[in-house]
Amino acid sequence: MPIEFKPLPYPPEAYEPHFDKQTMEIHHGKHYKTYVDTYNTLLTKVPALEGKPLHEVLEGNCAMVPDDSKTVARNHGGGAHNHALFWEILAPSAKGGGGEPVGNLKAAIDKTFGGFTAFKEKFETAAKTRFGSGWAWLIKKGDKVDVISTANQDSPLMEGAFPVIGLDVWEHAYYLKYQNKRPDYITAFWNLVNWQVAEDRFNRAK
């Protein structure tokens, strides 16, 4: 079924000084919109996808998609899904961004990683060492959490995992403000993570 081009939850300038207004406008209004529009165009050409929610397509690793359309489905369907999550878990500090995990997610992070600081170090390493374009993720798989990274617009759903939070490390996400300083962008990300939303995602994960 067609996917929605979701608006940013807050005005693009609300994410400053951590993520700048121009980047947010371009990232959301150009890159994300292209993923959504391209995937929706694909739906009109592939009868097998009629009525299929995007998450089901990705959870099946695009197996239901004909071979000649798999790359478009993977790249643009994955890009649309990943970015929709990204906007969801970001918030200015005045609206809940920053701080530390809460509730059941905090307990899972503490149990798995030994605390928030150790988790952040592992997450930042995944984000810094993803060569080229991709994402870093905190995922839930079964009753456990883990940190992974994926290439390009691949989704953790393709690996049977549920994405709790994700950080886009494509250059389009940070280059206008941070240029080649990806580590500075990664550090800035923690000021915008809405941990209550992450907790809600964790609790509803399969």
Protein backbone atom coordinates (compact mmCIF):
# COMPACT_ATOMS: atom_id res chain seq x y z
CA MET A 1 0.00 0.00 0.00
CA PRO A 2 1.22 3.57 -0.60
CA ILE A 3 3.33 5.02 2.17
CA GLU A 4 2.86 8.41 3.75
CA PHE A 5 5.32 11.27 3.45
CA LYS A 6 5.42 12.06 7.16
CA PRO A 7 6.01 15.66 8.26
CA LEU A 8 8.75 16.55 10.68
CA PRO A 9 7.33 16.53 14.21
CA TYR A 10 8.87 19.96 14.83
CA PRO A 11 9.92 22.91 12.65
CA PRO A 12 13.32 22.32 11.02
CA GLU A 13 14.95 25.10 13.04
CA ALA A 14 13.83 23.46 16.31
CA TYR A 15 16.66 20.92 16.09
CA GLU A 16 19.36 23.60 16.19
CA PRO A 17 22.10 23.98 17.23
CA HIS A 18 22.67 20.22 17.00
CA PHE A 19 21.13 19.64 13.55
CA ASP A 20 20.91 22.79 11.45
CA LYS A 21 17.75 24.05 9.77
CA GLN A 22 19.03 23.81 6.21
CA THR A 23 20.15 20.21 6.60
CA MET A 24 16.83 19.23 8.14
CA GLU A 25 14.92 20.90 5.30
CA ILE A 26 16.97 19.18 2.62
CA HIS A 27 17.19 15.84 4.42
CA HIS A 28 13.46 15.68 5.02
CA GLY A 29 12.04 17.55 2.06
CA LYS A 30 14.37 16.23 -0.65
CA HIS A 31 16.07 12.95 0.33
CA TYR A 32 13.26 11.41 2.38
CA LYS A 33 10.59 12.59 -0.06
CA THR A 34 12.48 10.95 -2.93
CA TYR A 35 12.51 7.62 -1.09
CA VAL A 36 8.77 7.83 -0.44
CA ASP A 37 7.85 8.94 -3.95
CA THR A 38 10.07 6.37 -5.66
CA TYR A 39 8.71 3.51 -3.57
CA ASN A 40 5.12 4.60 -4.18
CA THR A 41 5.82 4.69 -7.91
CA LEU A 42 7.18 1.15 -7.68
CA LEU A 43 3.92 0.01 -6.09
CA THR A 44 2.02 1.01 -9.22
CA LYS A 45 4.25 -1.26 -11.30
CA VAL A 46 4.48 -4.37 -9.09
CA PRO A 47 1.14 -6.14 -8.52
CA ALA A 48 2.70 -8.46 -5.91
CA LEU A 49 3.06 -5.48 -3.56
CA GLU A 50 -0.59 -4.42 -3.73
CA GLY A 51 -1.97 -4.09 -0.20
CA LYS A 52 1.33 -5.07 1.43
CA PRO A 53 2.51 -2.77 4.25
CA LEU A 54 6.10 -1.63 3.86
CA HIS A 55 7.25 -3.26 7.08
CA GLU A 56 6.07 -6.66 5.79
CA VAL A 57 8.00 -6.18 2.55
CA LEU A 58 11.15 -5.35 4.50
CA GLU A 59 10.66 -8.10 7.10
CA GLY A 60 10.61 -10.58 4.23
CA ASN A 61 13.87 -9.10 2.92
CA CYS A 62 11.96 -8.04 -0.20
CA ALA A 63 11.45 -11.71 -1.17
CA MET A 64 7.97 -10.91 -2.52
CA VAL A 65 9.44 -8.33 -4.92
CA PRO A 66 10.40 -9.43 -8.45
CA ASP A 67 14.15 -9.60 -9.00
CA ASP A 68 14.21 -6.66 -11.40
CA SER A 69 12.60 -4.43 -8.72
CA LYS A 70 14.35 -5.63 -5.57
CA THR A 71 17.03 -2.95 -5.60
CA VAL A 72 14.48 -0.14 -5.82
CA ALA A 73 12.35 -1.71 -3.08
CA ARG A 74 15.35 -2.25 -0.83
CA ASN A 75 16.87 1.19 -1.32
CA HIS A 76 13.77 3.36 -1.43
CA GLY A 77 11.46 1.29 0.75
CA GLY A 78 14.25 0.95 3.28
CA GLY A 79 15.07 4.63 2.98
CA ALA A 80 11.46 5.65 3.57
CA HIS A 81 11.08 3.36 6.58
CA ASN A 82 14.41 4.29 8.15
CA HIS A 83 13.79 8.00 7.84
CA ALA A 84 10.26 7.82 9.20
CA LEU A 85 11.76 6.23 12.32
CA PHE A 86 14.53 8.84 12.46
CA TRP A 87 12.09 11.75 12.56
CA GLU A 88 10.03 9.92 15.18
CA ILE A 89 12.84 9.54 17.70
CA LEU A 90 14.25 13.08 17.38
CA ALA A 91 13.08 15.96 19.56
CA PRO A 92 14.43 19.32 20.75
CA SER A 93 15.50 19.38 24.40
CA ALA A 94 12.42 21.44 25.30
CA LYS A 95 10.25 18.65 23.90
CA GLY A 96 11.99 15.67 25.51
CA GLY A 97 15.20 15.31 23.51
CA GLY A 98 18.42 14.34 25.28
CA GLY A 99 18.92 12.78 28.68
CA GLU A 100 19.11 9.04 29.20
CA PRO A 101 16.99 5.94 28.54
CA VAL A 102 13.97 5.28 30.74
CA GLY A 103 11.85 2.36 31.89
CA ASN A 104 12.17 -1.10 30.40
CA LEU A 105 14.59 0.11 27.75
CA LYS A 106 16.93 1.48 30.39
CA ALA A 107 16.81 -1.84 32.23
CA ALA A 108 17.61 -3.74 29.02
CA ILE A 109 20.50 -1.41 28.17
CA ASP A 110 21.93 -1.67 31.67
CA LYS A 111 21.68 -5.46 31.63
CA THR A 112 23.19 -5.89 28.17
CA PHE A 113 25.85 -3.21 28.04
CA GLY A 114 26.52 -2.44 31.70
CA GLY A 115 25.07 1.06 31.58
CA PHE A 116 24.29 3.99 29.32
CA THR A 117 27.90 5.12 28.93
CA ALA A 118 29.05 1.72 27.70
CA PHE A 119 26.08 1.52 25.35
CA LYS A 120 26.85 4.95 23.89
CA GLU A 121 30.46 3.93 23.25
CA LYS A 122 29.36 0.83 21.35
CA PHE A 123 26.74 2.74 19.38
CA GLU A 124 29.18 5.52 18.49
CA THR A 125 31.75 2.95 17.34
CA ALA A 126 29.15 1.36 15.06
CA ALA A 127 28.28 4.78 13.62
CA LYS A 128 31.88 5.90 13.18
CA THR A 129 33.12 2.69 11.59
CA ARG A 130 30.29 2.21 9.10
CA PHE A 131 32.28 2.72 5.92
CA GLY A 132 30.55 4.91 3.38
CA SER A 133 26.81 5.35 3.79
CA GLY A 134 24.54 3.59 6.25
CA TRP A 135 23.00 3.57 9.71
CA ALA A 136 23.79 2.70 13.32
CA TRP A 137 21.02 1.05 15.31
CA LEU A 138 19.87 0.00 18.72
CA ILE A 139 17.73 -3.03 17.97
CA LYS A 140 15.53 -5.46 19.83
CA LYS A 141 15.57 -9.09 18.75
CA GLY A 142 13.50 -11.45 20.82
CA ASP A 143 13.89 -10.22 24.38
CA LYS A 144 17.40 -8.86 23.90
CA VAL A 145 18.88 -5.56 22.70
CA ASP A 146 22.00 -5.09 20.60
CA VAL A 147 23.86 -2.49 18.54
CA ILE A 148 24.38 -3.07 14.83
CA SER A 149 25.04 -1.05 11.70
CA THR A 150 23.64 -1.52 8.22
CA ALA A 151 24.81 -0.39 4.81
CA ASN A 152 23.01 2.08 2.60
CA GLN A 153 19.26 2.06 3.41
CA ASP A 154 19.07 -1.52 4.66
CA SER A 155 16.70 -1.91 7.60
CA PRO A 156 17.17 -4.09 10.69
CA LEU A 157 13.77 -5.54 9.76
CA MET A 158 15.59 -7.35 6.95
CA GLU A 159 17.61 -9.18 9.61
CA GLY A 160 14.63 -10.09 11.78
CA ALA A 161 15.29 -7.29 14.27
CA PHE A 162 13.16 -4.36 15.42
CA PRO A 163 14.81 -0.92 15.23
CA VAL A 164 14.43 1.03 18.48
CA ILE A 165 16.60 4.03 17.57
CA GLY A 166 18.68 4.70 14.49
CA LEU A 167 21.24 7.25 13.38
CA ASP A 168 21.63 8.15 9.72
CA VAL A 169 25.34 8.39 8.87
CA TRP A 170 24.91 9.20 5.19
CA GLU A 171 26.78 12.42 4.44
CA HIS A 172 23.53 14.13 3.43
CA ALA A 173 22.51 13.95 7.10
CA TYR A 174 25.38 16.05 8.41
CA TYR A 175 27.79 17.43 5.82
CA LEU A 176 26.52 21.01 5.59
CA LYS A 177 27.17 21.57 9.30
CA TYR A 178 29.82 19.04 10.23
CA GLN A 179 31.63 18.43 6.92
CA ASN A 180 33.97 15.44 7.42
CA LYS A 181 33.55 15.45 11.22
CA ARG A 182 31.14 12.57 11.53
CA PRO A 183 32.11 11.97 15.20
CA ASP A 184 30.91 15.48 16.11
CA TYR A 185 27.57 14.79 14.42
CA ILE A 186 27.26 11.50 16.30
CA THR A 187 27.92 13.27 19.61
CA ALA A 188 25.30 15.91 18.77
CA PHE A 189 22.71 13.19 18.14
CA TRP A 190 22.44 12.35 21.85
CA ASN A 191 21.04 15.83 22.52
CA LEU A 192 18.03 15.04 20.34
CA VAL A 193 17.09 11.44 21.17
CA ASN A 194 13.61 11.26 22.64
CA TRP A 195 14.02 8.39 25.07
CA GLN A 196 10.33 8.21 25.91
CA VAL A 197 9.57 7.53 22.25
CA ALA A 198 12.39 4.97 22.22
CA GLU A 199 10.86 3.35 25.31
CA ASP A 200 7.49 3.18 23.59
CA ARG A 201 9.09 1.57 20.55
CA PHE A 202 10.94 -0.94 22.73
CA ASN A 203 7.75 -1.91 24.54
CA ARG A 204 5.76 -2.49 21.36
CA ALA A 205 8.50 -4.46 19.59
CA LYS A 206 7.67 -8.04 18.76
